[in-house]
């Protein structure tokens, strides 16, 4: 391949941003981790291992990548982040209901064994 050849099989580097929000303590969500490539993969793996919902939005990730770590998101992003928080709340709620149903079924199985 010479300098004039443009490779067509290059995949864009993955990006990921992790947010944290404690309503009792924080005025707005904060960026707690961000990265590209291997760092992004590690952020996503950590989220998966800890059952943290992942919201995919390339435009929002690009905007959040510009923020410094441990800084609150600016007011201009509140609406977009509110959509993310609503998604996470919905996922947590459905995950919680599914977990409760599994616990109840397990309790019923155990009680029927005695």
Protein backbone atom coordinates (compact mmCIF):
# COMPACT_ATOMS: atom_id res chain seq x y z
CA UNK A 1 0.00 0.00 0.00
CA UNK A 2 1.50 3.36 -0.98
CA UNK A 3 0.75 6.83 0.41
CA UNK A 4 -2.05 7.45 -2.08
CA UNK A 5 -4.04 4.35 -1.18
CA UNK A 6 -6.95 4.93 1.16
CA UNK A 7 -7.73 1.87 3.24
CA UNK A 8 -11.43 1.03 3.34
CA UNK A 9 -11.41 -1.51 6.15
CA UNK A 10 -10.58 0.90 8.97
CA UNK A 11 -13.17 0.89 11.70
CA UNK A 12 -13.64 4.00 13.79
CA UNK A 13 -12.26 3.82 17.30
CA UNK A 14 -14.93 3.19 19.90
CA UNK A 15 -15.59 5.91 22.45
CA UNK A 16 -17.25 5.65 25.85
CA UNK A 17 -18.11 8.04 28.66
CA UNK A 18 -19.26 7.05 32.14
CA UNK A 19 -21.46 9.38 34.16
CA UNK A 20 -22.27 9.41 37.85
CA UNK A 21 -25.13 11.20 39.55
CA UNK A 22 -26.04 11.24 43.21
CA UNK A 23 -29.19 13.33 43.52
CA UNK A 24 -28.63 14.05 47.22
CA UNK A 25 -25.11 15.35 46.64
CA UNK A 26 -24.64 16.49 43.04
CA UNK A 27 -26.26 19.37 41.21
CA UNK A 28 -25.78 17.58 37.88
CA UNK A 29 -24.27 14.32 36.59
CA UNK A 30 -20.47 14.20 36.38
CA UNK A 31 -18.13 12.59 33.86
CA UNK A 32 -16.21 9.99 35.87
CA UNK A 33 -14.47 8.14 33.04
CA UNK A 34 -13.96 8.56 29.33
CA UNK A 35 -11.80 7.08 26.64
CA UNK A 36 -11.24 5.66 23.19
CA UNK A 37 -10.22 2.24 21.97
CA UNK A 38 -9.07 -0.08 24.76
CA UNK A 39 -10.12 2.39 27.47
CA UNK A 40 -13.61 2.59 25.97
CA UNK A 41 -13.79 -1.21 25.83
CA UNK A 42 -12.78 -1.38 29.51
CA UNK A 43 -15.49 1.15 30.45
CA UNK A 44 -18.11 -0.87 28.55
CA UNK A 45 -16.93 -4.19 30.04
CA UNK A 46 -17.06 -2.72 33.54
CA UNK A 47 -20.59 -1.47 32.90
CA UNK A 48 -21.66 -4.90 31.65
CA UNK A 49 -20.09 -6.73 34.63
CA UNK A 50 -21.91 -4.41 37.02
CA UNK A 51 -25.25 -4.50 35.17
CA UNK A 52 -25.04 -0.79 34.38
CA UNK A 53 -27.24 0.13 31.41
CA UNK A 54 -25.42 1.47 28.34
CA UNK A 55 -27.03 4.23 26.29
CA UNK A 56 -25.68 4.66 22.77
CA UNK A 57 -25.62 8.11 21.19
CA UNK A 58 -22.58 9.03 19.10
CA UNK A 59 -23.30 12.75 19.09
CA UNK A 60 -23.74 12.90 22.86
CA UNK A 61 -20.59 10.83 23.46
CA UNK A 62 -18.61 13.24 21.29
CA UNK A 63 -19.90 16.22 23.31
CA UNK A 64 -19.17 14.48 26.62
CA UNK A 65 -15.65 13.52 25.48
CA UNK A 66 -14.84 17.25 25.41
CA UNK A 67 -15.58 17.58 29.15
CA UNK A 68 -13.00 17.13 31.88
CA UNK A 69 -13.14 14.18 34.27
CA UNK A 70 -14.99 14.87 37.54
CA UNK A 71 -16.76 17.93 36.11
CA UNK A 72 -20.50 18.37 36.10
CA UNK A 73 -22.14 18.42 32.71
CA UNK A 74 -23.05 21.91 31.48
CA UNK A 75 -26.67 23.11 31.42
CA UNK A 76 -26.71 22.90 27.60
CA UNK A 77 -26.59 19.09 27.92
CA UNK A 78 -29.26 18.75 30.64
CA UNK A 79 -32.03 17.78 28.20
CA UNK A 80 -29.93 15.12 26.48
CA UNK A 81 -28.73 13.72 29.81
CA UNK A 82 -32.31 13.72 31.13
CA UNK A 83 -33.16 11.33 28.27
CA UNK A 84 -30.25 9.11 29.29
CA UNK A 85 -31.34 9.17 32.94
CA UNK A 86 -34.91 8.26 31.94
CA UNK A 87 -33.56 5.33 29.90
CA UNK A 88 -31.40 4.15 32.82
CA UNK A 89 -34.33 4.47 35.23
CA UNK A 90 -36.53 2.41 32.90
CA UNK A 91 -33.82 -0.25 32.51
CA UNK A 92 -33.22 -0.38 36.28
CA UNK A 93 -36.95 -0.69 36.93
CA UNK A 94 -37.44 -3.51 34.43
CA UNK A 95 -34.25 -5.22 35.64
CA UNK A 96 -35.47 -4.89 39.24
CA UNK A 97 -38.86 -6.36 38.39
CA UNK A 98 -37.24 -9.27 36.57
CA UNK A 99 -34.89 -9.91 39.51
CA UNK A 100 -37.82 -9.79 41.96
CA UNK A 101 -39.75 -12.29 39.83
CA UNK A 102 -36.73 -14.63 39.78
CA UNK A 103 -36.37 -14.38 43.58
CA UNK A 104 -40.08 -15.11 44.08
CA UNK A 105 -39.91 -18.12 41.75
CA UNK A 106 -36.82 -19.43 43.59
CA UNK A 107 -38.57 -19.00 46.94
CA UNK A 108 -41.60 -20.92 45.65
CA UNK A 109 -39.37 -23.73 44.37
CA UNK A 110 -37.56 -23.95 47.72
CA UNK A 111 -40.78 -23.93 49.73
CA UNK A 112 -42.26 -26.67 47.56
CA UNK A 113 -39.24 -28.86 48.29
CA UNK A 114 -39.90 -28.98 52.07
